[in-house]
Structures are given as C-alpha cells and as structure tokens.
C-alpha atoms as a PDB file:
ATOM      1  CA  MET A   1      -7.435 -19.585  -1.143  1.00  0.00           C
ATOM      2  CA  ASN A   2      -3.960 -19.482  -1.886  1.00  0.00           C
ATOM      3  CA  ILE A   3      -3.060 -15.886  -3.559  1.00  0.00           C
ATOM      4  CA  LEU A   4       0.508 -15.394  -5.168  1.00  0.00           C
ATOM      5  CA  VAL A   5       1.118 -11.500  -4.541  1.00  0.00           C
ATOM      6  CA  LEU A   6       3.745 -10.260  -7.359  1.00  0.00           C
ATOM      7  CA  GLY A   7       4.976  -7.626  -5.857  1.00  0.00           C
ATOM      8  CA  GLY A   8       4.237  -8.281  -2.180  1.00  0.00           C
ATOM      9  CA  ALA A   9       7.387  -6.615  -1.125  1.00  0.00           C
ATOM     10  CA  GLY A  10       6.943  -3.004  -2.603  1.00  0.00           C
ATOM     11  CA  PHE A  11       4.601  -0.318  -1.019  1.00  0.00           C
ATOM     12  CA  ILE A  12       1.099  -1.098  -1.895  1.00  0.00           C
ATOM     13  CA  GLY A  13       1.784  -4.825  -2.156  1.00  0.00           C
ATOM     14  CA  SER A  14       2.950  -5.192   1.805  1.00  0.00           C
ATOM     15  CA  VAL A  15      -0.696  -3.616   2.519  1.00  0.00           C
ATOM     16  CA  VAL A  16      -2.665  -5.933   0.255  1.00  0.00           C
ATOM     17  CA  VAL A  17      -0.774  -8.913   1.489  1.00  0.00           C
ATOM     18  CA  GLU A  18      -1.409  -7.758   5.146  1.00  0.00           C
ATOM     19  CA  GLN A  19      -5.506  -7.491   4.300  1.00  0.00           C
ATOM     20  CA  LEU A  20      -5.039 -11.138   2.623  1.00  0.00           C
ATOM     21  CA  LEU A  21      -3.872 -12.136   5.535  1.00  0.00           C
ATOM     22  CA  VAL A  22      -6.730 -10.379   7.494  1.00  0.00           C
ATOM     23  CA  ALA A  23      -9.179 -11.719   5.334  1.00  0.00           C
ATOM     24  CA  GLY A  24      -7.920 -15.260   6.256  1.00  0.00           C
ATOM     25  CA  HIS A  25      -5.991 -15.827   2.633  1.00  0.00           C
ATOM     26  CA  LYS A  26      -3.086 -17.961   2.477  1.00  0.00           C
ATOM     27  CA  VAL A  27      -0.269 -15.697   0.448  1.00  0.00           C
ATOM     28  CA  VAL A  28       2.928 -16.338  -1.517  1.00  0.00           C
ATOM     29  CA  VAL A  29       4.930 -13.095  -1.865  1.00  0.00           C
ATOM     30  CA  PHE A  30       6.963 -13.062  -5.585  1.00  0.00           C
ATOM     31  CA  ASP A  31       9.301 -10.019  -5.800  1.00  0.00           C
ATOM     32  CA  ASN A  32      12.881  -9.676  -7.074  1.00  0.00           C
ATOM     33  CA  LEU A  33      13.324  -6.604  -3.954  1.00  0.00           C
ATOM     34  CA  SER A  34      14.424  -4.110  -6.821  1.00  0.00           C
ATOM     35  CA  GLN A  35      12.099  -1.689  -5.082  1.00  0.00           C
ATOM     36  CA  GLY A  36      10.594  -3.920  -2.363  1.00  0.00           C
ATOM     37  CA  HIS A  37      12.343  -4.496   1.441  1.00  0.00           C
ATOM     38  CA  LEU A  38      12.356  -7.975   2.872  1.00  0.00           C
ATOM     39  CA  LEU A  39      11.220  -6.360   6.306  1.00  0.00           C
ATOM     40  CA  ALA A  40       8.087  -5.186   3.994  1.00  0.00           C
ATOM     41  CA  ILE A  41       6.903  -8.862   3.825  1.00  0.00           C
ATOM     42  CA  ALA A  42       4.351  -9.915   6.371  1.00  0.00           C
ATOM     43  CA  GLU A  43       5.517 -12.715   8.945  1.00  0.00           C
ATOM     44  CA  ASN A  44       2.911 -14.901   7.949  1.00  0.00           C
ATOM     45  CA  ALA A  45       3.732 -14.781   3.781  1.00  0.00           C
ATOM     46  CA  SER A  46       5.583 -17.093   2.155  1.00  0.00           C
ATOM     47  CA  PHE A  47       8.526 -15.572  -0.157  1.00  0.00           C
ATOM     48  CA  VAL A  48       9.680 -16.217  -3.687  1.00  0.00           C
ATOM     49  CA  ARG A  49      12.603 -14.215  -4.967  1.00  0.00           C
ATOM     50  CA  GLY A  50      12.376 -13.787  -8.620  1.00  0.00           C
ATOM     51  CA  GLU A  51      12.174 -12.070 -11.594  1.00  0.00           C
ATOM     52  CA  MET A  52       8.483 -11.503 -13.623  1.00  0.00           C
ATOM     53  CA  ALA A  53       9.777 -12.404 -16.860  1.00  0.00           C
ATOM     54  CA  ASP A  54      10.847 -15.921 -15.284  1.00  0.00           C
ATOM     55  CA  GLY A  55       7.971 -18.223 -16.228  1.00  0.00           C
ATOM     56  CA  GLU A  56       9.398 -21.316 -15.737  1.00  0.00           C
ATOM     57  CA  LEU A  57       9.952 -19.989 -12.031  1.00  0.00           C
ATOM     58  CA  LEU A  58       6.434 -18.677 -11.607  1.00  0.00           C
ATOM     59  CA  CYS A  59       4.643 -21.451 -12.906  1.00  0.00           C
ATOM     60  CA  GLU A  60       6.764 -23.695 -10.667  1.00  0.00           C
ATOM     61  CA  THR A  61       5.917 -21.653  -7.873  1.00  0.00           C
ATOM     62  CA  MET A  62       1.911 -21.160  -8.530  1.00  0.00           C
ATOM     63  CA  GLN A  63       1.951 -25.222  -8.810  1.00  0.00           C
ATOM     64  CA  GLN A  64       4.248 -25.902  -5.440  1.00  0.00           C
ATOM     65  CA  HIS A  65       1.900 -23.689  -3.566  1.00  0.00           C
ATOM     66  CA  ALA A  66      -1.252 -24.780  -5.074  1.00  0.00           C
ATOM     67  CA  ILE A  67      -2.191 -20.940  -6.333  1.00  0.00           C
ATOM     68  CA  ALA A  68      -5.698 -20.223  -6.737  1.00  0.00           C
ATOM     69  CA  ALA A  69      -5.332 -16.297  -8.042  1.00  0.00           C
ATOM     70  CA  VAL A  70      -3.089 -13.823  -8.896  1.00  0.00           C
ATOM     71  CA  ILE A  71      -2.325 -10.068  -7.877  1.00  0.00           C
ATOM     72  CA  HIS A  72      -0.194  -8.553 -10.208  1.00  0.00           C
ATOM     73  CA  LEU A  73       1.257  -5.566  -8.601  1.00  0.00           C
ATOM     74  CA  ALA A  74       4.786  -5.798 -10.134  1.00  0.00           C
ATOM     75  CA  GLY A  75       6.395  -3.635 -12.976  1.00  0.00           C
ATOM     76  CA  LEU A  76       7.658  -0.229 -13.420  1.00  0.00           C
ATOM     77  CA  SER A  77       5.695   2.778 -12.532  1.00  0.00           C
ATOM     78  CA  LEU A  78       7.961   6.282 -12.722  1.00  0.00           C
ATOM     79  CA  VAL A  79       6.203   8.386 -15.294  1.00  0.00           C
ATOM     80  CA  GLY A  80       9.226  10.333 -16.561  1.00  0.00           C
ATOM     81  CA  GLU A  81      11.731   7.452 -16.619  1.00  0.00           C
ATOM     82  CA  SER A  82       9.096   5.688 -19.012  1.00  0.00           C
ATOM     83  CA  VAL A  83       9.166   9.238 -21.433  1.00  0.00           C
ATOM     84  CA  ILE A  84      12.828   9.006 -21.937  1.00  0.00           C
ATOM     85  CA  ARG A  85      13.103   5.173 -21.774  1.00  0.00           C
ATOM     86  CA  PRO A  86       9.995   3.457 -23.384  1.00  0.00           C
ATOM     87  CA  GLN A  87      12.044   0.161 -24.314  1.00  0.00           C
ATOM     88  CA  LYS A  88      12.195  -0.630 -20.808  1.00  0.00           C
ATOM     89  CA  TYR A  89       8.472  -0.180 -19.415  1.00  0.00           C
ATOM     90  CA  PHE A  90       7.243  -2.066 -22.349  1.00  0.00           C
ATOM     91  CA  ALA A  91       9.914  -4.811 -21.905  1.00  0.00           C
ATOM     92  CA  THR A  92       9.142  -5.065 -18.323  1.00  0.00           C
ATOM     93  CA  ASN A  93       5.475  -4.227 -18.134  1.00  0.00           C
ATOM     94  CA  VAL A  94       4.075  -5.932 -21.230  1.00  0.00           C
ATOM     95  CA  GLY A  95       7.163  -8.617 -21.957  1.00  0.00           C
ATOM     96  CA  GLY A  96       6.759  -9.433 -18.223  1.00  0.00           C
ATOM     97  CA  GLY A  97       3.276  -9.698 -18.266  1.00  0.00           C
ATOM     98  CA  ILE A  98       3.158 -11.920 -21.299  1.00  0.00           C
ATOM     99  CA  ALA A  99       5.478 -14.616 -19.068  1.00  0.00           C
ATOM    100  CA  LEU A 100       3.462 -14.139 -16.547  1.00  0.00           C
ATOM    101  CA  LEU A 101      -0.055 -14.891 -18.201  1.00  0.00           C
ATOM    102  CA  ASP A 102       1.584 -17.921 -20.080  1.00  0.00           C
ATOM    103  CA  ALA A 103       3.024 -18.754 -16.712  1.00  0.00           C
ATOM    104  CA  MET A 104      -0.195 -18.980 -15.011  1.00  0.00           C
ATOM    105  CA  LEU A 105      -2.235 -20.875 -18.024  1.00  0.00           C
ATOM    106  CA  THR A 106       0.351 -23.470 -18.193  1.00  0.00           C
ATOM    107  CA  ALA A 107      -0.118 -23.985 -13.733  1.00  0.00           C
ATOM    108  CA  GLY A 108      -4.104 -23.582 -14.614  1.00  0.00           C
ATOM    109  CA  VAL A 109      -4.615 -20.613 -12.848  1.00  0.00           C
ATOM    110  CA  LYS A 110      -6.874 -18.426 -14.311  1.00  0.00           C
ATOM    111  CA  LYS A 111      -7.697 -15.943 -11.753  1.00  0.00           C
ATOM    112  CA  ILE A 112      -6.044 -12.286 -11.788  1.00  0.00           C
ATOM    113  CA  VAL A 113      -6.384  -8.893 -10.081  1.00  0.00           C
ATOM    114  CA  PHE A 114      -4.445  -6.289 -11.953  1.00  0.00           C
ATOM    115  CA  SER A 115      -2.896  -3.087 -10.506  1.00  0.00           C
ATOM    116  CA  SER A 116      -3.400  -0.433 -13.236  1.00  0.00           C
ATOM    117  CA  THR A 117      -3.415   3.276 -13.125  1.00  0.00           C
ATOM    118  CA  ALA A 118      -5.349   6.768 -13.737  1.00  0.00           C
ATOM    119  CA  ALA A 119      -2.862   7.226 -16.510  1.00  0.00           C
ATOM    120  CA  VAL A 120      -4.584   5.045 -19.162  1.00  0.00           C
ATOM    121  CA  TYR A 121      -6.825   7.998 -19.155  1.00  0.00           C
ATOM    122  CA  GLY A 122      -4.063  10.908 -19.939  1.00  0.00           C
ATOM    123  CA  ALA A 123      -5.844  13.970 -19.651  1.00  0.00           C
ATOM    124  CA  PRO A 124      -9.664  13.318 -19.050  1.00  0.00           C
ATOM    125  CA  ASP A 125     -12.239  15.640 -21.206  1.00  0.00           C
ATOM    126  CA  SER A 126     -14.166  15.898 -17.870  1.00  0.00           C
ATOM    127  CA  VAL A 127     -13.841  15.045 -13.822  1.00  0.00           C
ATOM    128  CA  PRO A 128     -14.571  12.940 -11.970  1.00  0.00           C
ATOM    129  CA  ILE A 129     -13.441  10.085 -14.223  1.00  0.00           C
ATOM    130  CA  PRO A 130     -15.602   7.306 -15.068  1.00  0.00           C
ATOM    131  CA  GLU A 131     -14.243   3.752 -16.238  1.00  0.00           C
ATOM    132  CA  ASP A 132     -15.755   4.408 -19.804  1.00  0.00           C
ATOM    133  CA  ALA A 133     -14.147   7.479 -20.445  1.00  0.00           C
ATOM    134  CA  LYS A 134     -11.640   7.660 -23.305  1.00  0.00           C
ATOM    135  CA  LEU A 135      -8.080   5.673 -22.725  1.00  0.00           C
ATOM    136  CA  CYS A 136      -5.630   7.900 -24.583  1.00  0.00           C
ATOM    137  CA  PRO A 137      -2.379   7.947 -22.178  1.00  0.00           C
ATOM    138  CA  LEU A 138       0.183  10.520 -22.376  1.00  0.00           C
ATOM    139  CA  ASN A 139       3.617   8.569 -21.304  1.00  0.00           C
ATOM    140  CA  PRO A 140       4.468   5.096 -22.242  1.00  0.00           C
ATOM    141  CA  TYR A 141       4.180   4.213 -18.286  1.00  0.00           C
ATOM    142  CA  GLY A 142       0.274   4.500 -19.015  1.00  0.00           C
ATOM    143  CA  GLU A 143       0.546   2.982 -22.291  1.00  0.00           C
ATOM    144  CA  SER A 144       2.077  -0.340 -21.065  1.00  0.00           C
ATOM    145  CA  LYS A 145      -0.669  -0.466 -18.620  1.00  0.00           C
ATOM    146  CA  LEU A 146      -3.198  -0.070 -20.972  1.00  0.00           C
ATOM    147  CA  THR A 147      -1.781  -2.490 -22.968  1.00  0.00           C
ATOM    148  CA  PHE A 148      -1.436  -5.083 -20.577  1.00  0.00           C
ATOM    149  CA  GLU A 149      -5.461  -4.292 -19.839  1.00  0.00           C
ATOM    150  CA  LYS A 150      -6.034  -5.178 -23.587  1.00  0.00           C
ATOM    151  CA  MET A 151      -4.212  -8.258 -23.397  1.00  0.00           C
ATOM    152  CA  LEU A 152      -6.109  -9.294 -19.934  1.00  0.00           C
ATOM    153  CA  HIS A 153      -9.371  -8.875 -22.300  1.00  0.00           C
ATOM    154  CA  TRP A 154      -7.981 -10.836 -25.400  1.00  0.00           C
ATOM    155  CA  TYR A 155      -6.643 -13.731 -23.068  1.00  0.00           C
ATOM    156  CA  SER A 156      -9.828 -13.921 -21.394  1.00  0.00           C
ATOM    157  CA  GLN A 157     -11.765 -14.369 -24.411  1.00  0.00           C
ATOM    158  CA  ALA A 158      -9.320 -16.845 -25.959  1.00  0.00           C
ATOM    159  CA  TYR A 159      -8.291 -18.871 -22.536  1.00  0.00           C
ATOM    160  CA  GLY A 160     -11.136 -18.209 -20.153  1.00  0.00           C
ATOM    161  CA  LEU A 161      -9.086 -16.316 -18.126  1.00  0.00           C
ATOM    162  CA  ARG A 162     -11.029 -14.190 -15.773  1.00  0.00           C
ATOM    163  CA  TYR A 163      -9.834 -10.749 -14.564  1.00  0.00           C
ATOM    164  CA  VAL A 164     -10.332  -7.396 -12.343  1.00  0.00           C
ATOM    165  CA  SER A 165      -8.312  -4.643 -13.365  1.00  0.00           C
ATOM    166  CA  LEU A 166      -8.187  -1.861 -10.724  1.00  0.00           C
ATOM    167  CA  ARG A 167      -7.269   1.714 -12.314  1.00  0.00           C
ATOM    168  CA  TYR A 168      -5.147   3.336  -9.356  1.00  0.00           C
ATOM    169  CA  PHE A 169      -5.307   7.191  -8.702  1.00  0.00           C
ATOM    170  CA  ASN A 170      -2.743   8.332  -6.089  1.00  0.00           C
ATOM    171  CA  ALA A 171      -1.848   5.832  -3.345  1.00  0.00           C
ATOM    172  CA  ALA A 172      -0.575   7.078  -0.355  1.00  0.00           C
ATOM    173  CA  GLY A 173      -0.293   7.138   3.703  1.00  0.00           C
ATOM    174  CA  ALA A 174       0.385   4.034   5.777  1.00  0.00           C
ATOM    175  CA  SER A 175      -0.536   1.166   7.633  1.00  0.00           C
ATOM    176  CA  GLU A 176       0.105   0.650  11.303  1.00  0.00           C
ATOM    177  CA  GLN A 177       2.937  -2.008   9.599  1.00  0.00           C
ATOM    178  CA  PHE A 178       3.691  -0.769   6.423  1.00  0.00           C
ATOM    179  CA  GLY A 179       4.825   2.375   4.605  1.00  0.00           C
ATOM    180  CA  GLU A 180       6.060   4.153   1.488  1.00  0.00           C
ATOM    181  CA  ASP A 181       9.825   3.520   1.068  1.00  0.00           C
ATOM    182  CA  HIS A 182      11.059   4.180  -2.562  1.00  0.00           C
ATOM    183  CA  ASP A 183      14.274   4.686  -4.163  1.00  0.00           C
ATOM    184  CA  PRO A 184      14.253   6.658  -5.949  1.00  0.00           C
ATOM    185  CA  GLU A 185      11.266   8.289  -4.040  1.00  0.00           C
ATOM    186  CA  THR A 186       8.867  10.305  -6.851  1.00  0.00           C
ATOM    187  CA  HIS A 187       5.710  10.406  -4.872  1.00  0.00           C
ATOM    188  CA  LEU A 188       4.691  13.848  -3.572  1.00  0.00           C
ATOM    189  CA  ILE A 189       3.595  12.763   0.121  1.00  0.00           C
ATOM    190  CA  PRO A 190       6.463  11.081   0.617  1.00  0.00           C
ATOM    191  CA  ASN A 191       8.993  13.574  -0.401  1.00  0.00           C
ATOM    192  CA  VAL A 192       7.369  16.920   1.410  1.00  0.00           C
ATOM    193  CA  LEU A 193       7.255  14.516   4.739  1.00  0.00           C
ATOM    194  CA  ARG A 194      11.299  14.306   3.838  1.00  0.00           C
ATOM    195  CA  VAL A 195      11.361  17.870   3.547  1.00  0.00           C
ATOM    196  CA  ALA A 196       9.462  18.269   6.893  1.00  0.00           C
ATOM    197  CA  ALA A 197      11.898  15.941   8.759  1.00  0.00           C
ATOM    198  CA  GLY A 198      15.010  18.056   7.770  1.00  0.00           C
ATOM    199  CA  LYS A 199      15.984  15.118   4.900  1.00  0.00           C
ATOM    200  CA  ALA A 200      15.602  17.347   2.260  1.00  0.00           C
ATOM    201  CA  SER A 201      15.988  20.968   2.171  1.00  0.00           C
ATOM    202  CA  HIS A 202      12.844  21.865  -0.112  1.00  0.00           C
ATOM    203  CA  ILE A 203      10.042  20.180  -2.095  1.00  0.00           C
ATOM    204  CA  GLY A 204      10.069  20.991  -6.010  1.00  0.00           C
ATOM    205  CA  ILE A 205       6.748  22.087  -7.763  1.00  0.00           C
ATOM    206  CA  PHE A 206       6.716  20.823 -10.881  1.00  0.00           C
ATOM    207  CA  GLY A 207       4.779  23.527 -13.092  1.00  0.00           C
ATOM    208  CA  ASP A 208       2.466  26.448 -11.341  1.00  0.00           C
ATOM    209  CA  GLY A 209       0.475  27.546 -14.350  1.00  0.00           C
ATOM    210  CA  TYR A 210      -2.159  24.461 -15.194  1.00  0.00           C
ATOM    211  CA  PRO A 211      -5.454  25.485 -15.272  1.00  0.00           C
ATOM    212  CA  THR A 212      -6.407  24.457 -11.635  1.00  0.00           C
ATOM    213  CA  ALA A 213      -7.413  26.988  -8.849  1.00  0.00           C
ATOM    214  CA  ASP A 214      -3.814  27.610  -7.673  1.00  0.00           C
ATOM    215  CA  GLY A 215      -1.869  26.793 -10.799  1.00  0.00           C
ATOM    216  CA  THR A 216      -0.454  23.353  -9.598  1.00  0.00           C
ATOM    217  CA  CYS A 217      -1.652  19.957 -10.354  1.00  0.00           C
ATOM    218  CA  VAL A 218      -4.549  17.949  -8.966  1.00  0.00           C
ATOM    219  CA  ARG A 219      -4.948  14.381  -8.184  1.00  0.00           C
ATOM    220  CA  ASP A 220      -7.103  12.291  -6.041  1.00  0.00           C
ATOM    221  CA  TYR A 221      -5.093  10.364  -2.986  1.00  0.00           C
ATOM    222  CA  ILE A 222      -6.380   6.890  -1.940  1.00  0.00           C
ATOM    223  CA  HIS A 223      -5.100   5.383   1.270  1.00  0.00           C
ATOM    224  CA  VAL A 224      -2.864   2.211   0.844  1.00  0.00           C
ATOM    225  CA  SER A 225      -5.494   0.244   3.121  1.00  0.00           C
ATOM    226  CA  ASP A 226      -8.090   1.245   1.449  1.00  0.00           C
ATOM    227  CA  LEU A 227      -6.750   0.384  -2.013  1.00  0.00           C
ATOM    228  CA  ALA A 228      -5.525  -2.731  -0.434  1.00  0.00           C
ATOM    229  CA  ILE A 229      -9.073  -3.938   0.545  1.00  0.00           C
ATOM    230  CA  ALA A 230     -10.416  -3.381  -2.789  1.00  0.00           C
ATOM    231  CA  HIS A 231      -7.918  -6.172  -3.779  1.00  0.00           C
ATOM    232  CA  VAL A 232      -9.565  -8.598  -1.219  1.00  0.00           C
ATOM    233  CA  LEU A 233     -12.891  -7.644  -2.494  1.00  0.00           C
ATOM    234  CA  ALA A 234     -12.166  -8.345  -6.290  1.00  0.00           C
ATOM    235  CA  LEU A 235     -10.975 -11.611  -5.789  1.00  0.00           C
ATOM    236  CA  ASP A 236     -14.610 -12.511  -4.664  1.00  0.00           C
ATOM    237  CA  LEU A 237     -15.984 -10.998  -7.863  1.00  0.00           C
ATOM    238  CA  LEU A 238     -13.564 -12.957 -10.007  1.00  0.00           C
ATOM    239  CA  GLU A 239     -16.184 -16.212  -9.336  1.00  0.00           C
ATOM    240  CA  GLN A 240     -18.525 -14.265 -11.175  1.00  0.00           C
ATOM    241  CA  LYS A 241     -16.853 -12.477 -13.919  1.00  0.00           C
ATOM    242  CA  SER A 242     -13.957 -10.119 -15.185  1.00  0.00           C
ATOM    243  CA  ASP A 243     -14.208  -6.313 -15.219  1.00  0.00           C
ATOM    244  CA  VAL A 244     -12.353  -2.804 -14.681  1.00  0.00           C
ATOM    245  CA  TYR A 245     -12.670  -0.676 -11.685  1.00  0.00           C
ATOM    246  CA  ASN A 246     -11.254   2.898 -10.867  1.00  0.00           C
ATOM    247  CA  LEU A 247      -9.921   3.133  -7.178  1.00  0.00           C
ATOM    248  CA  GLY A 248      -9.821   7.089  -5.847  1.00  0.00           C
ATOM    249  CA  VAL A 249     -11.862   9.011  -3.232  1.00  0.00           C
ATOM    250  CA  GLY A 250     -13.410  11.085  -5.879  1.00  0.00           C
ATOM    251  CA  THR A 251     -12.084  14.567  -4.253  1.00  0.00           C
ATOM    252  CA  GLY A 252      -8.915  16.448  -5.752  1.00  0.00           C
ATOM    253  CA  HIS A 253      -6.344  18.159  -4.235  1.00  0.00           C
ATOM    254  CA  SER A 254      -3.572  20.186  -5.160  1.00  0.00           C
ATOM    255  CA  VAL A 255       0.242  20.182  -5.179  1.00  0.00           C
ATOM    256  CA  ALA A 256      -0.130  23.283  -3.207  1.00  0.00           C
ATOM    257  CA  GLU A 257      -2.926  21.908  -1.008  1.00  0.00           C
ATOM    258  CA  VAL A 258      -1.155  19.024  -0.225  1.00  0.00           C
ATOM    259  CA  ILE A 259       1.788  21.111   1.572  1.00  0.00           C
ATOM    260  CA  GLU A 260      -0.040  23.239   3.548  1.00  0.00           C
ATOM    261  CA  THR A 261      -2.058  20.157   5.050  1.00  0.00           C
ATOM    262  CA  ALA A 262       1.301  18.553   5.954  1.00  0.00           C
ATOM    263  CA  LYS A 263       2.747  21.437   7.015  1.00  0.00           C
ATOM    264  CA  ARG A 264      -0.493  21.671   9.565  1.00  0.00           C
ATOM    265  CA  VAL A 265       0.070  17.828  10.219  1.00  0.00           C
ATOM    266  CA  THR A 266       4.158  18.108  11.221  1.00  0.00           C
ATOM    267  CA  ASN A 267       4.113  21.404  12.448  1.00  0.00           C
ATOM    268  CA  ARG A 268       7.336  22.265  10.108  1.00  0.00           C
ATOM    269  CA  PRO A 269       8.122  24.489   7.587  1.00  0.00           C
ATOM    270  CA  ILE A 270       7.803  22.911   4.362  1.00  0.00           C
ATOM    271  CA  PRO A 271       9.962  25.380   1.684  1.00  0.00           C
ATOM    272  CA  THR A 272       9.298  24.925  -1.968  1.00  0.00           C
ATOM    273  CA  ILE A 273      10.779  25.551  -5.335  1.00  0.00           C
ATOM    274  CA  VAL A 274       8.827  25.662  -8.496  1.00  0.00           C
ATOM    275  CA  SER A 275      10.338  24.009 -11.255  1.00  0.00           C
ATOM    276  CA  PRO A 276       9.608  23.239 -14.956  1.00  0.00           C
ATOM    277  CA  ARG A 277       6.316  21.023 -15.820  1.00  0.00           C
ATOM    278  CA  ARG A 278       6.976  17.482 -16.033  1.00  0.00           C
ATOM    279  CA  VAL A 279       6.621  15.854 -19.550  1.00  0.00           C
ATOM    280  CA  GLY A 280       3.593  13.611 -19.563  1.00  0.00           C
ATOM    281  CA  ASP A 281       1.460  15.318 -16.669  1.00  0.00           C
ATOM    282  CA  PRO A 282      -2.150  15.952 -16.993  1.00  0.00           C
ATOM    283  CA  PRO A 283      -3.609  18.893 -14.811  1.00  0.00           C
ATOM    284  CA  ILE A 284      -6.545  17.290 -13.035  1.00  0.00           C
ATOM    285  CA  LEU A 285      -6.996  13.150 -12.338  1.00  0.00           C
ATOM    286  CA  VAL A 286     -10.101  12.736  -9.872  1.00  0.00           C
ATOM    287  CA  ALA A 287     -11.792   9.292  -9.675  1.00  0.00           C
ATOM    288  CA  SER A 288     -15.323   8.352 -10.032  1.00  0.00           C
ATOM    289  CA  SER A 289     -15.423   5.127  -7.878  1.00  0.00           C
ATOM    290  CA  GLU A 290     -19.071   4.745  -7.914  1.00  0.00           C
ATOM    291  CA  LYS A 291     -19.239   1.546 -10.084  1.00  0.00           C
ATOM    292  CA  ILE A 292     -16.852  -0.089  -7.264  1.00  0.00           C
ATOM    293  CA  ALA A 293     -19.027   1.385  -4.385  1.00  0.00           C
ATOM    294  CA  ARG A 294     -22.198   0.103  -6.468  1.00  0.00           C
ATOM    295  CA  GLU A 295     -21.075  -3.218  -7.595  1.00  0.00           C
ATOM    296  CA  LEU A 296     -18.641  -4.406  -4.653  1.00  0.00           C
ATOM    297  CA  GLY A 297     -19.612  -2.447  -1.949  1.00  0.00           C
ATOM    298  CA  TRP A 298     -15.978  -0.476  -1.304  1.00  0.00           C
ATOM    299  CA  LYS A 299     -16.202   2.690   0.397  1.00  0.00           C
ATOM    300  CA  PRO A 300     -12.724   4.571   1.310  1.00  0.00           C
ATOM    301  CA  LEU A 301     -12.577   4.393   5.373  1.00  0.00           C
ATOM    302  CA  CYS A 302      -9.932   7.218   5.129  1.00  0.00           C
ATOM    303  CA  SER A 303     -10.952  10.004   3.008  1.00  0.00           C
ATOM    304  CA  ASP A 304      -9.490  13.173   4.855  1.00  0.00           C
ATOM    305  CA  LEU A 305      -6.364  14.140   3.531  1.00  0.00           C
ATOM    306  CA  GLU A 306      -5.017  15.333   6.635  1.00  0.00           C
ATOM    307  CA  GLN A 307      -5.769  12.144   8.322  1.00  0.00           C
ATOM    308  CA  LEU A 308      -3.997  10.115   5.351  1.00  0.00           C
ATOM    309  CA  ILE A 309      -1.290  12.676   5.641  1.00  0.00           C
ATOM    310  CA  GLU A 310      -0.981  11.633   9.747  1.00  0.00           C
ATOM    311  CA  SER A 311      -0.525   8.130   8.566  1.00  0.00           C
ATOM    312  CA  ALA A 312       2.287   8.347   6.436  1.00  0.00           C
ATOM    313  CA  TRP A 313       3.970  10.917   9.288  1.00  0.00           C
ATOM    314  CA  ARG A 314       3.425   8.291  11.753  1.00  0.00           C
ATOM    315  CA  TRP A 315       5.218   5.241   9.997  1.00  0.00           C
ATOM    316  CA  TYR A 316       7.864   8.000   8.709  1.00  0.00           C
ATOM    317  CA  LEU A 317       8.935   9.023  12.498  1.00  0.00           C
ATOM    318  CA  SER A 318       9.149   5.376  13.200  1.00  0.00           C
ATOM    319  CA  HIS A 319      10.853   4.541  10.305  1.00  0.00           C
ATOM    320  CA  PRO A 320      13.555   7.515   9.513  1.00  0.00           C
ATOM    321  CA  ASN A 321      15.538   5.643   7.663  1.00  0.00           C
ATOM    322  CA  GLY A 322      13.290   3.297   5.706  1.00  0.00           C
ATOM    323  CA  TYR A 323      12.950  -0.446   6.546  1.00  0.00           C
ATOM    324  CA  ASP A 324      16.635  -1.725   6.442  1.00  0.00           C
ATOM    325  CA  LYS A 325      19.023   1.112   5.667  1.00  0.00           C
END
C-alpha cells in the first residue's frame, strides 16, 4: 500500500517508516520538521514538508501519491507544556486533526492509524490498564488525544472511516539507524543517558513521595521497534474493522529503577536531584496489551529494560550530537 505518515521524521515516526518499508509498503512522510529531522527520514521514503493544518496540501499529497491509508503521529506531546498552554494543544492536536480528517475525506482516503496515548486514562483505578478502563485525562495533552479518538468514532459512524487508535505507553530505545533526538528533551531515558555521557550534570527526579515501592513514578517502557511493528499490523486490521489497542509490555519500572539500570548499562555515574512533582503526572501507568496480542498476534520482541536502554545507549554513542547538530 501507499502510506502517508504524518510526523514520519520524528523519533517514533522514523522507526514506523522503517518498518513499513521492510513490510513492502511505499511511504510518503509529511512533517513540518519542528521536532523531526531530515536525516531521520529513510532513504526510500518520499518527503513533503507541510503543516497538518494545511488541508489543501494534505489532500493534494494524498491524491498525487495515491495514498491508501494514513498513519498519524504528528502533533504536540509535552504534558507540562499542555497544562500551561492548553490552547496550543487543542489548536494543534484537535484543530489540526480536523483538517487532516477532512482532507482524507476529500481525497477519498478512509483508513487511519492514530498515535494515541496512555494519558487518556489519567490516574487509573487499577493496573495493568485494559482498553475499557475509565477515560479521565489529567492534562490537556491527554484530553486533546481523547478528543481526537472521539472524533474518529463519529467520523467512522458518519462517513465510513476506519481507524485503529494505538494508546502508547512509554516509547524508548532505538533501532540500528534511528533514535531519539528532541529539543527540548523531556523523556527520561535519553535525559539519563545525557548525564551518563557528561552532557548534563544530573537527572531530575520529579517527586519521590508517590505511592510506589521506591516513591518514584512507575511507567511501562516499550521499545520503539515493537511499537512500529504494531502500526504495520494495524494497517491489516483496517481491512476488517476499527478498534482501540494499548501498546506496552505489561511491566512497570520506576524512575529510580531506570536510573540504576542505566548506571549498569553505561558503567558511568548518574547523579540525581529530587525536584517537586510535575502537574498531571499519575503515579503508575502500566498497560494491559492482552487485546492486541490476542487479536493481532503482536508481542514485544524486547521487553527487557536493560536491553532497551542498551539500544538507546548504542545509538547515543554513535550520534552524540543528535542527527544534524
């Protein structure tokens, strides 16, 4: 199939494109490069630079390349920023999403895989979290993603759109070619590795009084290549139905545990400083991915935290200044 990947020059997008090409699909990357990188776009993929809100360019791109399905990984994703700038998040993640869906309808493209988030669950009543858990986001980022999920449902009802919404937990690690290079970098593992590499003096721990075993937040870390493979499987499902799936490994690791594991992997000191909690951070987020395993045959190939951090460290050592700095 000819697949349009919005956000295909970013961390997750680059590896999704990589896996799509391996599976034999033709790929067009659509990205504004605000967080993406030209060097993160696979050689065999086409590239169009543009804004998600530019419905005319999106429609023209879909028609020109005979696009059969869209994978939507674009948008804003910083929880803390969303709390202080909610207008920005709703304008981009919801307003831009409307432009995308309308462009798809105009171009006659009615299949989409959406990059959603575990943030739609807020602070869950129990873990691991199933897909039918209560949806109660704690921040505008999660609310904007949930709003787009609801839009997909109603567009499906009204216009026959088929969608798969993949609720990511914490993507991390790297493939052989592509890794994580954000500015600013807010994700724990790359920031821990920056300290190990001597690029930062310490790693901040945002709160150590949570109701967890060591007082720090617990998250479910999924290797980015496993995440990407799920997108390829989701495209096949669109031939049959629409649905929603969690993507995690079903095991939680605390912030402190990640830091200790990184110390072993890198064999370097990683000083820490405890800071106040961030607004909107739930104590524990761990996925139940039984549904996607049962229905799509997906299972993580890398569920070991040490192996995941090793892959990120290898990429970091080969790209000490990111892609193009």
